[in-house]
Amino acid sequence: MQPTVIINQHRNTALIVASSGKKLLVIKLGKGKLAVTPLSLAEIKDQGYIVSNYSPKLAAQSYLEHGAGVGERAKKYLEMIARSEFSDKLIYDLT
């Protein structure tokens, strides 16, 4: 699966890191320890997120340095993305 950076109208960013059934696993950048949250595509759209052209690899590297820490599950996904060679082509169309 291709990781994808998303952003909403409040300039909140998140990283789609995997899928699990009908849910997408998302790591939202915010206050507190970063964690993986399962969200449906409809929930992502309802929160106003759109696809960003920002590199998932660079986002993952930045998220790993989050001041409040990173949960173990989130860390596993972020480390995999940060060391990977995913293309910068996007796979999700949130429109």
PDB file of N, CA and C in Angstrom:
ATOM      1  N   MET A   1       0.819  -1.177   0.000  1.00  0.00           N
ATOM      2  CA  MET A   1       0.000   0.000   0.000  1.00  0.00           C
ATOM      3  C   MET A   1       0.867   1.246   0.000  1.00  0.00           C
ATOM      4  N   GLN A   2       0.473   2.227  -0.767  1.00  0.00           N
ATOM      5  CA  GLN A   2       1.205   3.493  -0.860  1.00  0.00           C
ATOM      6  C   GLN A   2       0.771   4.433   0.265  1.00  0.00           C
ATOM      7  N   PRO A   3       1.675   4.828   1.166  1.00  0.00           N
ATOM      8  CA  PRO A   3       1.325   5.826   2.179  1.00  0.00           C
ATOM      9  C   PRO A   3       0.977   7.156   1.496  1.00  0.00           C
ATOM     10  N   THR A   4       0.096   7.924   2.123  1.00  0.00           N
ATOM     11  CA  THR A   4      -0.367   9.166   1.538  1.00  0.00           C
ATOM     12  C   THR A   4      -0.514  10.229   2.618  1.00  0.00           C
ATOM     13  N   VAL A   5       0.013  11.423   2.349  1.00  0.00           N
ATOM     14  CA  VAL A   5      -0.143  12.552   3.258  1.00  0.00           C
ATOM     15  C   VAL A   5      -1.453  13.259   2.915  1.00  0.00           C
ATOM     16  N   ILE A   6      -2.231  13.596   3.953  1.00  0.00           N
ATOM     17  CA  ILE A   6      -3.470  14.338   3.760  1.00  0.00           C
ATOM     18  C   ILE A   6      -3.455  15.577   4.660  1.00  0.00           C
ATOM     19  N   ILE A   7      -4.209  16.591   4.275  1.00  0.00           N
ATOM     20  CA  ILE A   7      -4.269  17.850   5.019  1.00  0.00           C
ATOM     21  C   ILE A   7      -5.700  18.369   4.961  1.00  0.00           C
ATOM     22  N   ASN A   8      -6.144  19.053   6.028  1.00  0.00           N
ATOM     23  CA  ASN A   8      -7.486  19.627   5.995  1.00  0.00           C
ATOM     24  C   ASN A   8      -7.426  21.152   5.993  1.00  0.00           C
ATOM     25  N   GLN A   9      -8.605  21.777   5.982  1.00  0.00           N
ATOM     26  CA  GLN A   9      -8.693  23.233   5.862  1.00  0.00           C
ATOM     27  C   GLN A   9      -8.076  23.957   7.055  1.00  0.00           C
ATOM     28  N   HIS A  10      -7.880  23.273   8.177  1.00  0.00           N
ATOM     29  CA  HIS A  10      -7.246  23.864   9.356  1.00  0.00           C
ATOM     30  C   HIS A  10      -5.731  23.635   9.356  1.00  0.00           C
ATOM     31  N   ARG A  11      -5.238  23.113   8.244  1.00  0.00           N
ATOM     32  CA  ARG A  11      -3.826  22.813   8.045  1.00  0.00           C
ATOM     33  C   ARG A  11      -3.334  21.701   8.981  1.00  0.00           C
ATOM     34  N   ASN A  12      -4.266  20.852   9.435  1.00  0.00           N
ATOM     35  CA  ASN A  12      -3.895  19.660  10.194  1.00  0.00           C
ATOM     36  C   ASN A  12      -3.455  18.605   9.196  1.00  0.00           C
ATOM     37  N   THR A  13      -2.334  17.978   9.470  1.00  0.00           N
ATOM     38  CA  THR A  13      -1.846  16.953   8.561  1.00  0.00           C
ATOM     39  C   THR A  13      -1.955  15.574   9.198  1.00  0.00           C
ATOM     40  N   ALA A  14      -2.038  14.592   8.328  1.00  0.00           N
ATOM     41  CA  ALA A  14      -2.104  13.203   8.767  1.00  0.00           C
ATOM     42  C   ALA A  14      -1.457  12.350   7.680  1.00  0.00           C
ATOM     43  N   LEU A  15      -1.144  11.137   8.042  1.00  0.00           N
ATOM     44  CA  LEU A  15      -0.499  10.218   7.123  1.00  0.00           C
ATOM     45  C   LEU A  15      -1.288   8.910   7.103  1.00  0.00           C
ATOM     46  N   ILE A  16      -1.809   8.550   5.935  1.00  0.00           N
ATOM     47  CA  ILE A  16      -2.463   7.257   5.779  1.00  0.00           C
ATOM     48  C   ILE A  16      -1.342   6.231   5.628  1.00  0.00           C
ATOM     49  N   VAL A  17      -1.280   5.276   6.569  1.00  0.00           N
ATOM     50  CA  VAL A  17      -0.142   4.352   6.596  1.00  0.00           C
ATOM     51  C   VAL A  17      -0.476   2.937   6.141  1.00  0.00           C
ATOM     52  N   ALA A  18      -1.749   2.553   6.195  1.00  0.00           N
ATOM     53  CA  ALA A  18      -2.140   1.189   5.815  1.00  0.00           C
ATOM     54  C   ALA A  18      -3.658   1.114   5.770  1.00  0.00           C
ATOM     55  N   SER A  19      -4.151  -0.056   5.382  1.00  0.00           N
ATOM     56  CA  SER A  19      -5.587  -0.288   5.438  1.00  0.00           C
ATOM     57  C   SER A  19      -5.834  -1.542   6.256  1.00  0.00           C
ATOM     58  N   SER A  20      -7.018  -1.587   6.846  1.00  0.00           N
ATOM     59  CA  SER A  20      -7.415  -2.731   7.651  1.00  0.00           C
ATOM     60  C   SER A  20      -8.904  -2.938   7.421  1.00  0.00           C
ATOM     61  N   GLY A  21      -9.237  -3.914   6.604  1.00  0.00           N
ATOM     62  CA  GLY A  21     -10.625  -4.100   6.227  1.00  0.00           C
ATOM     63  C   GLY A  21     -11.113  -2.903   5.428  1.00  0.00           C
ATOM     64  N   LYS A  22     -12.214  -2.302   5.868  1.00  0.00           N
ATOM     65  CA  LYS A  22     -12.760  -1.133   5.179  1.00  0.00           C
ATOM     66  C   LYS A  22     -12.228   0.174   5.744  1.00  0.00           C
ATOM     67  N   LYS A  23     -11.367   0.094   6.748  1.00  0.00           N
ATOM     68  CA  LYS A  23     -10.808   1.296   7.383  1.00  0.00           C
ATOM     69  C   LYS A  23      -9.393   1.560   6.879  1.00  0.00           C
ATOM     70  N   LEU A  24      -9.030   2.831   6.894  1.00  0.00           N
ATOM     71  CA  LEU A  24      -7.657   3.239   6.618  1.00  0.00           C
ATOM     72  C   LEU A  24      -6.999   3.555   7.954  1.00  0.00           C
ATOM     73  N   LEU A  25      -5.757   3.173   8.108  1.00  0.00           N
ATOM     74  CA  LEU A  25      -5.026   3.452   9.342  1.00  0.00           C
ATOM     75  C   LEU A  25      -4.297   4.770   9.162  1.00  0.00           C
ATOM     76  N   VAL A  26      -4.614   5.724  10.034  1.00  0.00           N
ATOM     77  CA  VAL A  26      -4.153   7.102   9.892  1.00  0.00           C
ATOM     78  C   VAL A  26      -3.392   7.516  11.141  1.00  0.00           C
ATOM     79  N   ILE A  27      -2.293   8.237  10.936  1.00  0.00           N
ATOM     80  CA  ILE A  27      -1.564   8.857  12.043  1.00  0.00           C
ATOM     81  C   ILE A  27      -1.727  10.356  11.869  1.00  0.00           C
ATOM     82  N   LYS A  28      -2.440  10.983  12.818  1.00  0.00           N
ATOM     83  CA  LYS A  28      -2.681  12.425  12.768  1.00  0.00           C
ATOM     84  C   LYS A  28      -1.604  13.144  13.572  1.00  0.00           C
ATOM     85  N   LEU A  29      -1.050  14.194  12.984  1.00  0.00           N
ATOM     86  CA  LEU A  29      -0.083  15.015  13.701  1.00  0.00           C
ATOM     87  C   LEU A  29      -0.860  15.968  14.588  1.00  0.00           C
ATOM     88  N   GLY A  30      -0.563  15.967  15.864  1.00  0.00           N
ATOM     89  CA  GLY A  30      -1.274  16.840  16.794  1.00  0.00           C
ATOM     90  C   GLY A  30      -0.581  16.841  18.141  1.00  0.00           C
ATOM     91  N   LYS A  31      -1.279  17.394  19.115  1.00  0.00           N
ATOM     92  CA  LYS A  31      -0.746  17.429  20.476  1.00  0.00           C
ATOM     93  C   LYS A  31      -0.790  16.021  21.046  1.00  0.00           C
ATOM     94  N   GLY A  32       0.170  15.708  21.853  1.00  0.00           N
ATOM     95  CA  GLY A  32       0.197  14.391  22.483  1.00  0.00           C
ATOM     96  C   GLY A  32       0.918  13.363  21.628  1.00  0.00           C
ATOM     97  N   LYS A  33       1.024  12.185  22.192  1.00  0.00           N
ATOM     98  CA  LYS A  33       1.714  11.068  21.544  1.00  0.00           C
ATOM     99  C   LYS A  33       0.983  10.664  20.269  1.00  0.00           C
ATOM    100  N   LEU A  34       1.734  10.434  19.206  1.00  0.00           N
ATOM    101  CA  LEU A  34       1.136  10.037  17.936  1.00  0.00           C
ATOM    102  C   LEU A  34       0.690   8.586  18.010  1.00  0.00           C
ATOM    103  N   ALA A  35      -0.495   8.331  17.469  1.00  0.00           N
ATOM    104  CA  ALA A  35      -1.054   6.986  17.502  1.00  0.00           C
ATOM    105  C   ALA A  35      -1.752   6.682  16.182  1.00  0.00           C
ATOM    106  N   VAL A  36      -1.958   5.414  15.929  1.00  0.00           N
ATOM    107  CA  VAL A  36      -2.665   4.960  14.731  1.00  0.00           C
ATOM    108  C   VAL A  36      -4.167   4.962  15.035  1.00  0.00           C
ATOM    109  N   THR A  37      -4.933   5.581  14.143  1.00  0.00           N
ATOM    110  CA  THR A  37      -6.388   5.651  14.287  1.00  0.00           C
ATOM    111  C   THR A  37      -7.047   5.060  13.047  1.00  0.00           C
ATOM    112  N   PRO A  38      -7.945   4.086  13.199  1.00  0.00           N
ATOM    113  CA  PRO A  38      -8.660   3.568  12.026  1.00  0.00           C
ATOM    114  C   PRO A  38      -9.813   4.499  11.660  1.00  0.00           C
ATOM    115  N   LEU A  39      -9.870   4.932  10.401  1.00  0.00           N
ATOM    116  CA  LEU A  39     -10.923   5.813   9.904  1.00  0.00           C
ATOM    117  C   LEU A  39     -11.414   5.311   8.557  1.00  0.00           C
ATOM    118  N   SER A  40     -12.698   5.459   8.318  1.00  0.00           N
ATOM    119  CA  SER A  40     -13.228   5.139   6.994  1.00  0.00           C
ATOM    120  C   SER A  40     -12.923   6.295   6.047  1.00  0.00           C
ATOM    121  N   LEU A  41     -13.007   6.037   4.773  1.00  0.00           N
ATOM    122  CA  LEU A  41     -12.804   7.092   3.788  1.00  0.00           C
ATOM    123  C   LEU A  41     -13.820   8.213   4.002  1.00  0.00           C
ATOM    124  N   ALA A  42     -15.061   7.855   4.354  1.00  0.00           N
ATOM    125  CA  ALA A  42     -16.106   8.862   4.616  1.00  0.00           C
ATOM    126  C   ALA A  42     -15.729   9.736   5.814  1.00  0.00           C
ATOM    127  N   GLU A  43     -15.175   9.134   6.867  1.00  0.00           N
ATOM    128  CA  GLU A  43     -14.763   9.908   8.044  1.00  0.00           C
ATOM    129  C   GLU A  43     -13.631  10.871   7.698  1.00  0.00           C
ATOM    130  N   ILE A  44     -12.704  10.414   6.870  1.00  0.00           N
ATOM    131  CA  ILE A  44     -11.600  11.277   6.445  1.00  0.00           C
ATOM    132  C   ILE A  44     -12.144  12.472   5.661  1.00  0.00           C
ATOM    133  N   LYS A  45     -13.070  12.202   4.745  1.00  0.00           N
ATOM    134  CA  LYS A  45     -13.680  13.286   3.959  1.00  0.00           C
ATOM    135  C   LYS A  45     -14.477  14.227   4.854  1.00  0.00           C
ATOM    136  N   ASP A  46     -15.224  13.672   5.813  1.00  0.00           N
ATOM    137  CA  ASP A  46     -16.022  14.488   6.732  1.00  0.00           C
ATOM    138  C   ASP A  46     -15.163  15.435   7.564  1.00  0.00           C
ATOM    139  N   GLN A  47     -13.923  15.041   7.817  1.00  0.00           N
ATOM    140  CA  GLN A  47     -13.010  15.890   8.584  1.00  0.00           C
ATOM    141  C   GLN A  47     -12.291  16.893   7.687  1.00  0.00           C
ATOM    142  N   GLY A  48     -12.656  16.915   6.412  1.00  0.00           N
ATOM    143  CA  GLY A  48     -12.142  17.918   5.486  1.00  0.00           C
ATOM    144  C   GLY A  48     -10.770  17.643   4.916  1.00  0.00           C
ATOM    145  N   TYR A  49     -10.296  16.415   5.001  1.00  0.00           N
ATOM    146  CA  TYR A  49      -8.965  16.102   4.491  1.00  0.00           C
ATOM    147  C   TYR A  49      -8.966  15.955   2.975  1.00  0.00           C
ATOM    148  N   ILE A  50      -7.898  16.432   2.369  1.00  0.00           N
ATOM    149  CA  ILE A  50      -7.636  16.232   0.950  1.00  0.00           C
ATOM    150  C   ILE A  50      -6.204  15.720   0.809  1.00  0.00           C
ATOM    151  N   VAL A  51      -5.908  15.125  -0.305  1.00  0.00           N
ATOM    152  CA  VAL A  51      -4.577  14.588  -0.548  1.00  0.00           C
ATOM    153  C   VAL A  51      -3.583  15.730  -0.741  1.00  0.00           C
ATOM    154  N   SER A  52      -2.433  15.595  -0.120  1.00  0.00           N
ATOM    155  CA  SER A  52      -1.337  16.560  -0.258  1.00  0.00           C
ATOM    156  C   SER A  52      -0.264  15.947  -1.158  1.00  0.00           C
ATOM    157  N   ASN A  53       0.501  16.794  -1.814  1.00  0.00           N
ATOM    158  CA  ASN A  53       1.593  16.285  -2.640  1.00  0.00           C
ATOM    159  C   ASN A  53       2.897  16.165  -1.844  1.00  0.00           C
ATOM    160  N   TYR A  54       2.832  16.331  -0.528  1.00  0.00           N
ATOM    161  CA  TYR A  54       4.017  16.225   0.321  1.00  0.00           C
ATOM    162  C   TYR A  54       4.491  14.774   0.385  1.00  0.00           C
ATOM    163  N   SER A  55       5.762  14.576   0.398  1.00  0.00           N
ATOM    164  CA  SER A  55       6.353  13.243   0.409  1.00  0.00           C
ATOM    165  C   SER A  55       6.016  12.471   1.693  1.00  0.00           C
ATOM    166  N   PRO A  56       5.428  11.279   1.564  1.00  0.00           N
ATOM    167  CA  PRO A  56       5.158  10.461   2.746  1.00  0.00           C
ATOM    168  C   PRO A  56       6.436  10.108   3.514  1.00  0.00           C
ATOM    169  N   LYS A  57       7.514   9.893   2.800  1.00  0.00           N
ATOM    170  CA  LYS A  57       8.783   9.555   3.446  1.00  0.00           C
ATOM    171  C   LYS A  57       9.270  10.704   4.332  1.00  0.00           C
ATOM    172  N   LEU A  58       9.202  11.937   3.800  1.00  0.00           N
ATOM    173  CA  LEU A  58       9.616  13.095   4.595  1.00  0.00           C
ATOM    174  C   LEU A  58       8.672  13.319   5.769  1.00  0.00           C
ATOM    175  N   ALA A  59       7.384  13.109   5.546  1.00  0.00           N
ATOM    176  CA  ALA A  59       6.409  13.247   6.637  1.00  0.00           C
ATOM    177  C   ALA A  59       6.704  12.229   7.741  1.00  0.00           C
ATOM    178  N   ALA A  60       6.970  10.988   7.360  1.00  0.00           N
ATOM    179  CA  ALA A  60       7.258   9.946   8.346  1.00  0.00           C
ATOM    180  C   ALA A  60       8.516  10.285   9.142  1.00  0.00           C
ATOM    181  N   GLN A  61       9.535  10.775   8.477  1.00  0.00           N
ATOM    182  CA  GLN A  61      10.770  11.157   9.174  1.00  0.00           C
ATOM    183  C   GLN A  61      10.494  12.272  10.182  1.00  0.00           C
ATOM    184  N   SER A  62       9.673  13.234   9.786  1.00  0.00           N
ATOM    185  CA  SER A  62       9.313  14.341  10.672  1.00  0.00           C
ATOM    186  C   SER A  62       8.464  13.854  11.841  1.00  0.00           C
ATOM    187  N   TYR A  63       7.486  12.998  11.577  1.00  0.00           N
ATOM    188  CA  TYR A  63       6.610  12.486  12.632  1.00  0.00           C
ATOM    189  C   TYR A  63       7.413  11.708  13.677  1.00  0.00           C
ATOM    190  N   LEU A  64       8.455  10.992  13.243  1.00  0.00           N
ATOM    191  CA  LEU A  64       9.271  10.225  14.186  1.00  0.00           C
ATOM    192  C   LEU A  64       9.978  11.116  15.199  1.00  0.00           C
ATOM    193  N   GLU A  65      10.133  12.396  14.882  1.00  0.00           N
ATOM    194  CA  GLU A  65      10.793  13.340  15.779  1.00  0.00           C
ATOM    195  C   GLU A  65       9.790  14.140  16.608  1.00  0.00           C
ATOM    196  N   HIS A  66       8.528  13.740  16.611  1.00  0.00           N
ATOM    197  CA  HIS A  66       7.467  14.457  17.323  1.00  0.00           C
ATOM    198  C   HIS A  66       7.818  14.601  18.800  1.00  0.00           C
ATOM    199  N   GLY A  67       7.745  15.820  19.296  1.00  0.00           N
ATOM    200  CA  GLY A  67       8.157  16.132  20.660  1.00  0.00           C
ATOM    201  C   GLY A  67       7.417  15.382  21.751  1.00  0.00           C
ATOM    202  N   ALA A  68       6.152  15.075  21.541  1.00  0.00           N
ATOM    203  CA  ALA A  68       5.365  14.394  22.568  1.00  0.00           C
ATOM    204  C   ALA A  68       5.496  12.875  22.493  1.00  0.00           C
ATOM    205  N   GLY A  69       6.245  12.390  21.522  1.00  0.00           N
ATOM    206  CA  GLY A  69       6.468  10.958  21.416  1.00  0.00           C
ATOM    207  C   GLY A  69       5.582  10.289  20.375  1.00  0.00           C
ATOM    208  N   VAL A  70       5.907   9.034  20.130  1.00  0.00           N
ATOM    209  CA  VAL A  70       5.207   8.239  19.124  1.00  0.00           C
ATOM    210  C   VAL A  70       4.897   6.879  19.737  1.00  0.00           C
ATOM    211  N   GLY A  71       3.649   6.463  19.641  1.00  0.00           N
ATOM    212  CA  GLY A  71       3.260   5.148  20.134  1.00  0.00           C
ATOM    213  C   GLY A  71       3.983   4.053  19.369  1.00  0.00           C
ATOM    214  N   GLU A  72       4.089   2.875  19.965  1.00  0.00           N
ATOM    215  CA  GLU A  72       4.845   1.780  19.356  1.00  0.00           C
ATOM    216  C   GLU A  72       4.291   1.357  17.992  1.00  0.00           C
ATOM    217  N   ARG A  73       2.980   1.240  17.881  1.00  0.00           N
ATOM    218  CA  ARG A  73       2.382   0.827  16.608  1.00  0.00           C
ATOM    219  C   ARG A  73       2.633   1.887  15.537  1.00  0.00           C
ATOM    220  N   ALA A  74       2.460   3.163  15.898  1.00  0.00           N
ATOM    221  CA  ALA A  74       2.715   4.257  14.959  1.00  0.00           C
ATOM    222  C   ALA A  74       4.189   4.279  14.562  1.00  0.00           C
ATOM    223  N   LYS A  75       5.052   4.057  15.523  1.00  0.00           N
ATOM    224  CA  LYS A  75       6.497   4.060  15.259  1.00  0.00           C
ATOM    225  C   LYS A  75       6.871   2.991  14.239  1.00  0.00           C
ATOM    226  N   LYS A  76       6.264   1.811  14.360  1.00  0.00           N
ATOM    227  CA  LYS A  76       6.549   0.715  13.423  1.00  0.00           C
ATOM    228  C   LYS A  76       6.214   1.134  11.990  1.00  0.00           C
ATOM    229  N   TYR A  77       5.020   1.697  11.794  1.00  0.00           N
ATOM    230  CA  TYR A  77       4.619   2.144  10.458  1.00  0.00           C
ATOM    231  C   TYR A  77       5.513   3.276   9.960  1.00  0.00           C
ATOM    232  N   LEU A  78       5.781   4.248  10.815  1.00  0.00           N
ATOM    233  CA  LEU A  78       6.576   5.405  10.392  1.00  0.00           C
ATOM    234  C   LEU A  78       7.998   4.999  10.017  1.00  0.00           C
ATOM    235  N   GLU A  79       8.601   4.112  10.786  1.00  0.00           N
ATOM    236  CA  GLU A  79       9.958   3.655  10.466  1.00  0.00           C
ATOM    237  C   GLU A  79       9.986   2.922   9.131  1.00  0.00           C
ATOM    238  N   MET A  80       8.958   2.110   8.865  1.00  0.00           N
ATOM    239  CA  MET A  80       8.888   1.391   7.604  1.00  0.00           C
ATOM    240  C   MET A  80       8.786   2.380   6.426  1.00  0.00           C
ATOM    241  N   ILE A  81       7.952   3.385   6.567  1.00  0.00           N
ATOM    242  CA  ILE A  81       7.785   4.383   5.504  1.00  0.00           C
ATOM    243  C   ILE A  81       9.043   5.225   5.337  1.00  0.00           C
ATOM    244  N   ALA A  82       9.665   5.615   6.449  1.00  0.00           N
ATOM    245  CA  ALA A  82      10.851   6.474   6.402  1.00  0.00           C
ATOM    246  C   ALA A  82      12.031   5.800   5.703  1.00  0.00           C
ATOM    247  N   ARG A  83      12.119   4.477   5.799  1.00  0.00           N
ATOM    248  CA  ARG A  83      13.253   3.783   5.167  1.00  0.00           C
ATOM    249  C   ARG A  83      12.885   3.162   3.815  1.00  0.00           C
ATOM    250  N   SER A  84      11.665   3.345   3.386  1.00  0.00           N
ATOM    251  CA  SER A  84      11.182   2.689   2.174  1.00  0.00           C
ATOM    252  C   SER A  84      11.472   3.512   0.925  1.00  0.00           C
ATOM    253  N   GLU A  85      11.155   2.907  -0.171  1.00  0.00           N
ATOM    254  CA  GLU A  85      11.323   3.553  -1.470  1.00  0.00           C
ATOM    255  C   GLU A  85       9.983   3.664  -2.181  1.00  0.00           C
ATOM    256  N   PHE A  86       8.937   4.037  -1.426  1.00  0.00           N
ATOM    257  CA  PHE A  86       7.641   4.245  -2.052  1.00  0.00           C
ATOM    258  C   PHE A  86       7.759   5.375  -3.060  1.00  0.00           C
ATOM    259  N   SER A  87       7.000   5.269  -4.120  1.00  0.00           N
ATOM    260  CA  SER A  87       6.998   6.362  -5.093  1.00  0.00           C
ATOM    261  C   SER A  87       6.217   7.526  -4.514  1.00  0.00           C
ATOM    262  N   ASP A  88       6.357   8.683  -5.125  1.00  0.00           N
ATOM    263  CA  ASP A  88       5.599   9.847  -4.688  1.00  0.00           C
ATOM    264  C   ASP A  88       4.271   9.950  -5.417  1.00  0.00           C
ATOM    265  N   LYS A  89       3.891   8.912  -6.156  1.00  0.00           N
ATOM    266  CA  LYS A  89       2.594   8.889  -6.822  1.00  0.00           C
ATOM    267  C   LYS A  89       1.510   8.630  -5.783  1.00  0.00           C
ATOM    268  N   LEU A  90       0.393   9.328  -5.909  1.00  0.00           N
ATOM    269  CA  LEU A  90      -0.689   9.212  -4.950  1.00  0.00           C
ATOM    270  C   LEU A  90      -1.673   8.140  -5.385  1.00  0.00           C
ATOM    271  N   ILE A  91      -2.258   7.433  -4.411  1.00  0.00           N
ATOM    272  CA  ILE A  91      -3.226   6.411  -4.771  1.00  0.00           C
ATOM    273  C   ILE A  91      -4.632   6.734  -4.313  1.00  0.00           C
ATOM    274  N   TYR A  92      -4.792   7.676  -3.395  1.00  0.00           N
ATOM    275  CA  TYR A  92      -6.111   8.004  -2.891  1.00  0.00           C
ATOM    276  C   TYR A  92      -6.628   9.281  -3.542  1.00  0.00           C
ATOM    277  N   ASP A  93      -7.844   9.220  -3.976  1.00  0.00           N
ATOM    278  CA  ASP A  93      -8.514  10.399  -4.500  1.00  0.00           C
ATOM    279  C   ASP A  93      -9.660  10.688  -3.559  1.00  0.00           C
ATOM    280  N   LEU A  94      -9.523  11.710  -2.735  1.00  0.00           N
ATOM    281  CA  LEU A  94     -10.531  12.007  -1.724  1.00  0.00           C
ATOM    282  C   LEU A  94     -11.632  12.923  -2.247  1.00  0.00           C
ATOM    283  N   THR A  95     -11.608  13.247  -3.529  1.00  0.00           N
ATOM    284  CA  THR A  95     -12.655  14.127  -4.061  1.00  0.00           C
ATOM    285  C   THR A  95     -13.898  13.372  -4.403  1.00  0.00           C
TER     286      THR A  95
END
